Amino acid sequence: MSRLTELLRQVRKADAQLGTDLEAEVAALTKRRTFGLVFEQHQPEAVELPGRVVRRGDKVRVLPPRGGCPYVLCQAIFSSGTS
């Protein structure tokens, strides 16, 4: 932002009204949006909550039995060689 503020300062020296108007618009933008290194805020697709009790309406992921492999993976591995 320092480069932008420096440019706004130069514009204000050349044309005071234009510089003031641009600074007001930049101030409005910086209130709504953060600049610089920004990590977008989002809702995660899946969160593991091992101690939480499953309730009606919860979306759950059914895991294969321990030691087994997922059905799709097993089907892809074992069906490709045996036709």
PDB file of N, CA and C in Angstrom:
ATOM      1  N   MET A   1       0.817  -1.199   0.000  1.00  0.00           N
ATOM      2  CA  MET A   1       0.000   0.000   0.000  1.00  0.00           C
ATOM      3  C   MET A   1       0.860   1.262   0.000  1.00  0.00           C
ATOM      4  N   SER A   2       2.108   1.191   0.407  1.00  0.00           N
ATOM      5  CA  SER A   2       2.922   2.400   0.463  1.00  0.00           C
ATOM      6  C   SER A   2       3.128   2.992  -0.929  1.00  0.00           C
ATOM      7  N   ARG A   3       3.267   2.161  -1.947  1.00  0.00           N
ATOM      8  CA  ARG A   3       3.416   2.666  -3.315  1.00  0.00           C
ATOM      9  C   ARG A   3       2.141   3.376  -3.746  1.00  0.00           C
ATOM     10  N   LEU A   4       1.015   2.803  -3.408  1.00  0.00           N
ATOM     11  CA  LEU A   4      -0.267   3.415  -3.756  1.00  0.00           C
ATOM     12  C   LEU A   4      -0.452   4.745  -3.031  1.00  0.00           C
ATOM     13  N   THR A   5      -0.122   4.799  -1.772  1.00  0.00           N
ATOM     14  CA  THR A   5      -0.260   6.061  -1.033  1.00  0.00           C
ATOM     15  C   THR A   5       0.695   7.123  -1.570  1.00  0.00           C
ATOM     16  N   GLU A   6       1.877   6.705  -1.985  1.00  0.00           N
ATOM     17  CA  GLU A   6       2.819   7.659  -2.583  1.00  0.00           C
ATOM     18  C   GLU A   6       2.257   8.221  -3.891  1.00  0.00           C
ATOM     19  N   LEU A   7       1.683   7.371  -4.713  1.00  0.00           N
ATOM     20  CA  LEU A   7       1.079   7.841  -5.958  1.00  0.00           C
ATOM     21  C   LEU A   7      -0.105   8.772  -5.688  1.00  0.00           C
ATOM     22  N   LEU A   8      -0.902   8.449  -4.683  1.00  0.00           N
ATOM     23  CA  LEU A   8      -2.026   9.321  -4.322  1.00  0.00           C
ATOM     24  C   LEU A   8      -1.516  10.676  -3.852  1.00  0.00           C
ATOM     25  N   ARG A   9      -0.431  10.680  -3.131  1.00  0.00           N
ATOM     26  CA  ARG A   9       0.161  11.934  -2.657  1.00  0.00           C
ATOM     27  C   ARG A   9       0.614  12.790  -3.856  1.00  0.00           C
ATOM     28  N   GLN A  10       1.198  12.152  -4.862  1.00  0.00           N
ATOM     29  CA  GLN A  10       1.642  12.876  -6.053  1.00  0.00           C
ATOM     30  C   GLN A  10       0.448  13.440  -6.827  1.00  0.00           C
ATOM     31  N   VAL A  11      -0.629  12.669  -6.912  1.00  0.00           N
ATOM     32  CA  VAL A  11      -1.830  13.144  -7.595  1.00  0.00           C
ATOM     33  C   VAL A  11      -2.421  14.325  -6.839  1.00  0.00           C
ATOM     34  N   ARG A  12      -2.426  14.238  -5.511  1.00  0.00           N
ATOM     35  CA  ARG A  12      -2.987  15.323  -4.705  1.00  0.00           C
ATOM     36  C   ARG A  12      -2.201  16.618  -4.899  1.00  0.00           C
ATOM     37  N   LYS A  13      -0.869  16.500  -5.092  1.00  0.00           N
ATOM     38  CA  LYS A  13      -0.060  17.700  -5.342  1.00  0.00           C
ATOM     39  C   LYS A  13      -0.437  18.332  -6.680  1.00  0.00           C
ATOM     40  N   ALA A  14      -0.699  17.495  -7.687  1.00  0.00           N
ATOM     41  CA  ALA A  14      -1.039  18.012  -9.011  1.00  0.00           C
ATOM     42  C   ALA A  14      -2.469  18.536  -9.049  1.00  0.00           C
ATOM     43  N   ASP A  15      -3.400  17.800  -8.443  1.00  0.00           N
ATOM     44  CA  ASP A  15      -4.816  18.185  -8.453  1.00  0.00           C
ATOM     45  C   ASP A  15      -5.410  17.803  -7.100  1.00  0.00           C
ATOM     46  N   ALA A  16      -5.645  18.784  -6.265  1.00  0.00           N
ATOM     47  CA  ALA A  16      -6.075  18.533  -4.886  1.00  0.00           C
ATOM     48  C   ALA A  16      -7.410  17.797  -4.813  1.00  0.00           C
ATOM     49  N   GLN A  17      -8.377  18.218  -5.618  1.00  0.00           N
ATOM     50  CA  GLN A  17      -9.706  17.590  -5.572  1.00  0.00           C
ATOM     51  C   GLN A  17      -9.656  16.137  -6.038  1.00  0.00           C
ATOM     52  N   LEU A  18      -8.935  15.872  -7.122  1.00  0.00           N
ATOM     53  CA  LEU A  18      -8.817  14.503  -7.626  1.00  0.00           C
ATOM     54  C   LEU A  18      -8.108  13.614  -6.616  1.00  0.00           C
ATOM     55  N   GLY A  19      -7.051  14.129  -5.992  1.00  0.00           N
ATOM     56  CA  GLY A  19      -6.333  13.362  -4.975  1.00  0.00           C
ATOM     57  C   GLY A  19      -7.207  13.014  -3.788  1.00  0.00           C
ATOM     58  N   THR A  20      -8.012  13.965  -3.346  1.00  0.00           N
ATOM     59  CA  THR A  20      -8.924  13.735  -2.222  1.00  0.00           C
ATOM     60  C   THR A  20      -9.980  12.698  -2.582  1.00  0.00           C
ATOM     61  N   ASP A  21     -10.524  12.800  -3.788  1.00  0.00           N
ATOM     62  CA  ASP A  21     -11.540  11.838  -4.231  1.00  0.00           C
ATOM     63  C   ASP A  21     -10.965  10.425  -4.325  1.00  0.00           C
ATOM     64  N   LEU A  22      -9.771  10.314  -4.901  1.00  0.00           N
ATOM     65  CA  LEU A  22      -9.140   8.997  -5.020  1.00  0.00           C
ATOM     66  C   LEU A  22      -8.819   8.399  -3.646  1.00  0.00           C
ATOM     67  N   GLU A  23      -8.344   9.225  -2.724  1.00  0.00           N
ATOM     68  CA  GLU A  23      -8.049   8.725  -1.377  1.00  0.00           C
ATOM     69  C   GLU A  23      -9.313   8.232  -0.687  1.00  0.00           C
ATOM     70  N   ALA A  24     -10.415   8.917  -0.907  1.00  0.00           N
ATOM     71  CA  ALA A  24     -11.683   8.474  -0.304  1.00  0.00           C
ATOM     72  C   ALA A  24     -12.104   7.122  -0.869  1.00  0.00           C
ATOM     73  N   GLU A  25     -11.927   6.936  -2.180  1.00  0.00           N
ATOM     74  CA  GLU A  25     -12.298   5.653  -2.792  1.00  0.00           C
ATOM     75  C   GLU A  25     -11.374   4.530  -2.324  1.00  0.00           C
ATOM     76  N   VAL A  26     -10.099   4.801  -2.223  1.00  0.00           N
ATOM     77  CA  VAL A  26      -9.150   3.787  -1.750  1.00  0.00           C
ATOM     78  C   VAL A  26      -9.460   3.426  -0.299  1.00  0.00           C
ATOM     79  N   ALA A  27      -9.812   4.407   0.508  1.00  0.00           N
ATOM     80  CA  ALA A  27     -10.165   4.142   1.909  1.00  0.00           C
ATOM     81  C   ALA A  27     -11.397   3.240   1.988  1.00  0.00           C
ATOM     82  N   ALA A  28     -12.374   3.484   1.116  1.00  0.00           N
ATOM     83  CA  ALA A  28     -13.578   2.645   1.096  1.00  0.00           C
ATOM     84  C   ALA A  28     -13.230   1.219   0.682  1.00  0.00           C
ATOM     85  N   LEU A  29     -12.319   1.061  -0.284  1.00  0.00           N
ATOM     86  CA  LEU A  29     -11.913  -0.280  -0.716  1.00  0.00           C
ATOM     87  C   LEU A  29     -11.156  -1.022   0.376  1.00  0.00           C
ATOM     88  N   THR A  30     -10.280  -0.332   1.071  1.00  0.00           N
ATOM     89  CA  THR A  30      -9.489  -1.010   2.099  1.00  0.00           C
ATOM     90  C   THR A  30     -10.346  -1.417   3.295  1.00  0.00           C
ATOM     91  N   LYS A  31     -11.463  -0.750   3.504  1.00  0.00           N
ATOM     92  CA  LYS A  31     -12.374  -1.174   4.570  1.00  0.00           C
ATOM     93  C   LYS A  31     -13.026  -2.509   4.220  1.00  0.00           C
ATOM     94  N   ARG A  32     -13.370  -2.684   2.940  1.00  0.00           N
ATOM     95  CA  ARG A  32     -14.061  -3.900   2.500  1.00  0.00           C
ATOM     96  C   ARG A  32     -13.127  -5.050   2.224  1.00  0.00           C
ATOM     97  N   ARG A  33     -11.928  -4.761   1.777  1.00  0.00           N
ATOM     98  CA  ARG A  33     -11.034  -5.820   1.299  1.00  0.00           C
ATOM     99  C   ARG A  33      -9.645  -5.610   1.877  1.00  0.00           C
ATOM    100  N   THR A  34      -9.041  -6.696   2.350  1.00  0.00           N
ATOM    101  CA  THR A  34      -7.677  -6.600   2.848  1.00  0.00           C
ATOM    102  C   THR A  34      -6.720  -6.786   1.685  1.00  0.00           C
ATOM    103  N   PHE A  35      -5.644  -6.044   1.710  1.00  0.00           N
ATOM    104  CA  PHE A  35      -4.649  -6.113   0.656  1.00  0.00           C
ATOM    105  C   PHE A  35      -3.382  -6.749   1.195  1.00  0.00           C
ATOM    106  N   GLY A  36      -2.535  -7.205   0.311  1.00  0.00           N
ATOM    107  CA  GLY A  36      -1.293  -7.850   0.713  1.00  0.00           C
ATOM    108  C   GLY A  36      -1.440  -9.347   0.614  1.00  0.00           C
ATOM    109  N   LEU A  37      -0.722 -10.063   1.459  1.00  0.00           N
ATOM    110  CA  LEU A  37      -0.788 -11.517   1.467  1.00  0.00           C
ATOM    111  C   LEU A  37      -2.099 -11.917   2.132  1.00  0.00           C
ATOM    112  N   VAL A  38      -3.020 -12.436   1.331  1.00  0.00           N
ATOM    113  CA  VAL A  38      -4.362 -12.739   1.828  1.00  0.00           C
ATOM    114  C   VAL A  38      -4.655 -14.221   1.629  1.00  0.00           C
ATOM    115  N   PHE A  39      -5.086 -14.862   2.691  1.00  0.00           N
ATOM    116  CA  PHE A  39      -5.570 -16.223   2.599  1.00  0.00           C
ATOM    117  C   PHE A  39      -7.086 -16.123   2.628  1.00  0.00           C
ATOM    118  N   GLU A  40      -7.709 -16.631   1.586  1.00  0.00           N
ATOM    119  CA  GLU A  40      -9.156 -16.509   1.502  1.00  0.00           C
ATOM    120  C   GLU A  40      -9.824 -17.240   2.655  1.00  0.00           C
ATOM    121  N   GLN A  41     -10.804 -16.591   3.227  1.00  0.00           N
ATOM    122  CA  GLN A  41     -11.554 -17.211   4.302  1.00  0.00           C
ATOM    123  C   GLN A  41     -12.653 -18.058   3.680  1.00  0.00           C
ATOM    124  N   HIS A  42     -12.737 -19.304   4.090  1.00  0.00           N
ATOM    125  CA  HIS A  42     -13.735 -20.197   3.526  1.00  0.00           C
ATOM    126  C   HIS A  42     -14.149 -21.213   4.580  1.00  0.00           C
ATOM    127  N   GLN A  43     -15.227 -21.874   4.303  1.00  0.00           N
ATOM    128  CA  GLN A  43     -15.696 -22.948   5.170  1.00  0.00           C
ATOM    129  C   GLN A  43     -15.037 -24.241   4.709  1.00  0.00           C
ATOM    130  N   PRO A  44     -14.423 -24.984   5.605  1.00  0.00           N
ATOM    131  CA  PRO A  44     -13.798 -26.235   5.185  1.00  0.00           C
ATOM    132  C   PRO A  44     -14.836 -27.250   4.722  1.00  0.00           C
ATOM    133  N   GLU A  45     -14.431 -28.092   3.775  1.00  0.00           N
ATOM    134  CA  GLU A  45     -15.351 -29.091   3.252  1.00  0.00           C
ATOM    135  C   GLU A  45     -15.587 -30.212   4.260  1.00  0.00           C
ATOM    136  N   ALA A  46     -14.550 -30.573   4.975  1.00  0.00           N
ATOM    137  CA  ALA A  46     -14.677 -31.661   5.940  1.00  0.00           C
ATOM    138  C   ALA A  46     -13.827 -31.353   7.164  1.00  0.00           C
ATOM    139  N   VAL A  47     -14.405 -31.585   8.326  1.00  0.00           N
ATOM    140  CA  VAL A  47     -13.694 -31.404   9.582  1.00  0.00           C
ATOM    141  C   VAL A  47     -13.931 -32.646  10.415  1.00  0.00           C
ATOM    142  N   GLU A  48     -12.864 -33.225  10.914  1.00  0.00           N
ATOM    143  CA  GLU A  48     -13.025 -34.401  11.767  1.00  0.00           C
ATOM    144  C   GLU A  48     -13.260 -33.957  13.201  1.00  0.00           C
ATOM    145  N   LEU A  49     -14.323 -34.455  13.790  1.00  0.00           N
ATOM    146  CA  LEU A  49     -14.663 -34.175  15.183  1.00  0.00           C
ATOM    147  C   LEU A  49     -14.837 -35.506  15.893  1.00  0.00           C
ATOM    148  N   PRO A  50     -13.738 -36.140  16.291  1.00  0.00           N
ATOM    149  CA  PRO A  50     -13.809 -37.505  16.813  1.00  0.00           C
ATOM    150  C   PRO A  50     -14.613 -37.664  18.095  1.00  0.00           C
ATOM    151  N   GLY A  51     -14.714 -36.646  18.926  1.00  0.00           N
ATOM    152  CA  GLY A  51     -15.439 -36.800  20.187  1.00  0.00           C
ATOM    153  C   GLY A  51     -16.900 -36.400  20.110  1.00  0.00           C
ATOM    154  N   ARG A  52     -17.352 -35.930  18.979  1.00  0.00           N
ATOM    155  CA  ARG A  52     -18.723 -35.435  18.857  1.00  0.00           C
ATOM    156  C   ARG A  52     -19.679 -36.573  18.517  1.00  0.00           C
ATOM    157  N   VAL A  53     -20.843 -36.531  19.140  1.00  0.00           N
ATOM    158  CA  VAL A  53     -21.885 -37.518  18.871  1.00  0.00           C
ATOM    159  C   VAL A  53     -22.580 -37.152  17.566  1.00  0.00           C
ATOM    160  N   VAL A  54     -22.852 -38.141  16.720  1.00  0.00           N
ATOM    161  CA  VAL A  54     -23.529 -37.908  15.448  1.00  0.00           C
ATOM    162  C   VAL A  54     -24.998 -37.612  15.718  1.00  0.00           C
ATOM    163  N   ARG A  55     -25.503 -36.544  15.082  1.00  0.00           N
ATOM    164  CA  ARG A  55     -26.898 -36.149  15.258  1.00  0.00           C
ATOM    165  C   ARG A  55     -27.615 -36.138  13.913  1.00  0.00           C
ATOM    166  N   ARG A  56     -28.921 -36.130  13.949  1.00  0.00           N
ATOM    167  CA  ARG A  56     -29.714 -36.083  12.729  1.00  0.00           C
ATOM    168  C   ARG A  56     -29.364 -34.811  11.960  1.00  0.00           C
ATOM    169  N   GLY A  57     -29.160 -34.961  10.644  1.00  0.00           N
ATOM    170  CA  GLY A  57     -28.816 -33.821   9.801  1.00  0.00           C
ATOM    171  C   GLY A  57     -27.320 -33.654   9.578  1.00  0.00           C
ATOM    172  N   ASP A  58     -26.499 -34.327  10.378  1.00  0.00           N
ATOM    173  CA  ASP A  58     -25.048 -34.255  10.186  1.00  0.00           C
ATOM    174  C   ASP A  58     -24.656 -35.009   8.929  1.00  0.00           C
ATOM    175  N   LYS A  59     -23.698 -34.484   8.212  1.00  0.00           N
ATOM    176  CA  LYS A  59     -23.144 -35.199   7.072  1.00  0.00           C
ATOM    177  C   LYS A  59     -21.930 -35.957   7.581  1.00  0.00           C
ATOM    178  N   VAL A  60     -21.947 -37.262   7.353  1.00  0.00           N
ATOM    179  CA  VAL A  60     -20.859 -38.086   7.861  1.00  0.00           C
ATOM    180  C   VAL A  60     -20.175 -38.806   6.718  1.00  0.00           C
ATOM    181  N   ARG A  61     -18.970 -39.242   6.984  1.00  0.00           N
ATOM    182  CA  ARG A  61     -18.200 -40.010   6.016  1.00  0.00           C
ATOM    183  C   ARG A  61     -18.067 -41.418   6.586  1.00  0.00           C
ATOM    184  N   VAL A  62     -18.559 -42.398   5.856  1.00  0.00           N
ATOM    185  CA  VAL A  62     -18.495 -43.778   6.315  1.00  0.00           C
ATOM    186  C   VAL A  62     -17.150 -44.347   5.889  1.00  0.00           C
ATOM    187  N   LEU A  63     -16.374 -44.754   6.853  1.00  0.00           N
ATOM    188  CA  LEU A  63     -15.045 -45.286   6.576  1.00  0.00           C
ATOM    189  C   LEU A  63     -15.089 -46.803   6.464  1.00  0.00           C
ATOM    190  N   PRO A  64     -14.180 -47.380   5.705  1.00  0.00           N
ATOM    191  CA  PRO A  64     -14.111 -48.841   5.628  1.00  0.00           C
ATOM    192  C   PRO A  64     -13.589 -49.405   6.951  1.00  0.00           C
ATOM    193  N   PRO A  65     -13.794 -50.694   7.196  1.00  0.00           N
ATOM    194  CA  PRO A  65     -13.270 -51.288   8.425  1.00  0.00           C
ATOM    195  C   PRO A  65     -11.754 -51.115   8.477  1.00  0.00           C
ATOM    196  N   ARG A  66     -11.235 -50.993   9.670  1.00  0.00           N
ATOM    197  CA  ARG A  66      -9.787 -50.813   9.823  1.00  0.00           C
ATOM    198  C   ARG A  66      -9.046 -51.983   9.212  1.00  0.00           C
ATOM    199  N   GLY A  67      -8.000 -51.673   8.475  1.00  0.00           N
ATOM    200  CA  GLY A  67      -7.222 -52.715   7.833  1.00  0.00           C
ATOM    201  C   GLY A  67      -7.718 -53.032   6.439  1.00  0.00           C
ATOM    202  N   GLY A  68      -8.943 -52.659   6.127  1.00  0.00           N
ATOM    203  CA  GLY A  68      -9.494 -52.897   4.795  1.00  0.00           C
ATOM    204  C   GLY A  68      -9.222 -51.690   3.916  1.00  0.00           C
ATOM    205  N   CYS A  69      -9.420 -51.853   2.634  1.00  0.00           N
ATOM    206  CA  CYS A  69      -9.248 -50.699   1.754  1.00  0.00           C
ATOM    207  C   CYS A  69     -10.624 -50.283   1.237  1.00  0.00           C
ATOM    208  N   PRO A  70     -10.763 -49.023   0.835  1.00  0.00           N
ATOM    209  CA  PRO A  70     -12.060 -48.557   0.334  1.00  0.00           C
ATOM    210  C   PRO A  70     -12.530 -49.390  -0.856  1.00  0.00           C
ATOM    211  N   TYR A  71     -13.839 -49.570  -0.975  1.00  0.00           N
ATOM    212  CA  TYR A  71     -14.425 -50.429  -1.989  1.00  0.00           C
ATOM    213  C   TYR A  71     -13.988 -50.033  -3.394  1.00  0.00           C
ATOM    214  N   VAL A  72     -14.021 -48.758  -3.699  1.00  0.00           N
ATOM    215  CA  VAL A  72     -13.682 -48.302  -5.054  1.00  0.00           C
ATOM    216  C   VAL A  72     -12.232 -48.626  -5.359  1.00  0.00           C
ATOM    217  N   LEU A  73     -11.345 -48.399  -4.407  1.00  0.00           N
ATOM    218  CA  LEU A  73      -9.931 -48.679  -4.609  1.00  0.00           C
ATOM    219  C   LEU A  73      -9.703 -50.175  -4.780  1.00  0.00           C
ATOM    220  N   CYS A  74     -10.304 -50.987  -3.926  1.00  0.00           N
ATOM    221  CA  CYS A  74     -10.145 -52.438  -4.039  1.00  0.00           C
ATOM    222  C   CYS A  74     -10.687 -52.942  -5.379  1.00  0.00           C
ATOM    223  N   GLN A  75     -11.844 -52.405  -5.783  1.00  0.00           N
ATOM    224  CA  GLN A  75     -12.436 -52.814  -7.039  1.00  0.00           C
ATOM    225  C   GLN A  75     -11.517 -52.455  -8.212  1.00  0.00           C
ATOM    226  N   ALA A  76     -10.924 -51.274  -8.179  1.00  0.00           N
ATOM    227  CA  ALA A  76     -10.044 -50.852  -9.268  1.00  0.00           C
ATOM    228  C   ALA A  76      -8.783 -51.698  -9.325  1.00  0.00           C
ATOM    229  N   ILE A  77      -8.235 -52.041  -8.177  1.00  0.00           N
ATOM    230  CA  ILE A  77      -6.990 -52.814  -8.150  1.00  0.00           C
ATOM    231  C   ILE A  77      -7.208 -54.253  -8.571  1.00  0.00           C
ATOM    232  N   PHE A  78      -8.234 -54.889  -7.998  1.00  0.00           N
ATOM    233  CA  PHE A  78      -8.406 -56.324  -8.180  1.00  0.00           C
ATOM    234  C   PHE A  78      -9.199 -56.696  -9.426  1.00  0.00           C
ATOM    235  N   SER A  79      -9.998 -55.788  -9.970  1.00  0.00           N
ATOM    236  CA  SER A  79     -10.790 -56.154 -11.148  1.00  0.00           C
ATOM    237  C   SER A  79     -10.026 -55.914 -12.452  1.00  0.00           C
ATOM    238  N   SER A  80      -8.981 -55.088 -12.434  1.00  0.00           N
ATOM    239  CA  SER A  80      -8.291 -54.776 -13.679  1.00  0.00           C
ATOM    240  C   SER A  80      -7.482 -55.948 -14.216  1.00  0.00           C
ATOM    241  N   GLY A  81      -6.952 -56.797 -13.334  1.00  0.00           N
ATOM    242  CA  GLY A  81      -6.125 -57.926 -13.790  1.00  0.00           C
ATOM    243  C   GLY A  81      -6.915 -59.182 -14.014  1.00  0.00           C
ATOM    244  N   THR A  82      -8.124 -59.283 -13.495  1.00  0.00           N
ATOM    245  CA  THR A  82      -8.912 -60.522 -13.606  1.00  0.00           C
ATOM    246  C   THR A  82     -10.140 -60.272 -14.451  1.00  0.00           C
ATOM    247  N   SER A  83     -10.067 -60.569 -15.724  1.00  0.00           N
ATOM    248  CA  SER A  83     -11.244 -60.392 -16.591  1.00  0.00           C
ATOM    249  C   SER A  83     -11.715 -61.712 -17.094  1.00  0.00           C
TER     250      SER A  83
END
